[in-house]
């Protein structure tokens, strides 16, 4: 559960923009066990898009680049955007597209139904909420239908999707997730290392508590980035689900 200060605002498109902090946010999001590193600019841009009234934003990028972690971080700051509820629908393990509607209903807490998507839409009809559809690429048609139904029937619901491919529906804003910045920071922290090197150092510290990020190590991390933006030395570290080993 995520909690903000103050009393919940009634549902409505204006409450999310005009009273961004006067809400109490509820919803189940998994707490991350690792530090979120970098991506301040990306988070600011995504927040601005929703403040401007965008209702469907799809984070698109290659596997392991950090789409899920970025979406969760935005969800954690929901009180700043005025949402009263944040729901996460995890689709990665669903092999059958026919299970997607039920997963949505289960996520929002609407009970069970023979028509789960319709039940979810009715449950969210007056809700002021953000729905995160995570890992849509293998169930695109089902995720597309969910987004279309909820956006049309639930005027104060916004959707943040993550996928390797866009949902390709009307009103969707496709946002390409970039690789972590390779530009050295201007501050003195960690020898002014880039966000990519800082991420590697943070994950390395879980394996070797005395690990220190030297200029040589930072250079090696940056030199080992693949053309697609991934870092072989710390693959999937951006999502906090991988592991690193050092000799």
Foldseek 3Di string as FASTA:
>chain_A
DAFADADADWFDQCQLQVVLQHETEDFDDDDFPFDQFDCPVVLVVVLVVVNVPQFAEEEAADPQQQLVVSVSVNVNSRSNRRFRYEWEQECPPPQDLVCRLVSLQVRVVQDDDPRSLVSSLVVQQRGQYEYEYEECANNLVSVLVSVVSNVVRRVNYGYYYYYNDDSPDPSYHYDYRAHFDQDFAPDPPLNSGGRQLVLLQRQVCVVPVPDGRDPVSSVVQSVQQDPRRAGPQQGSSNVVPDHHDDD
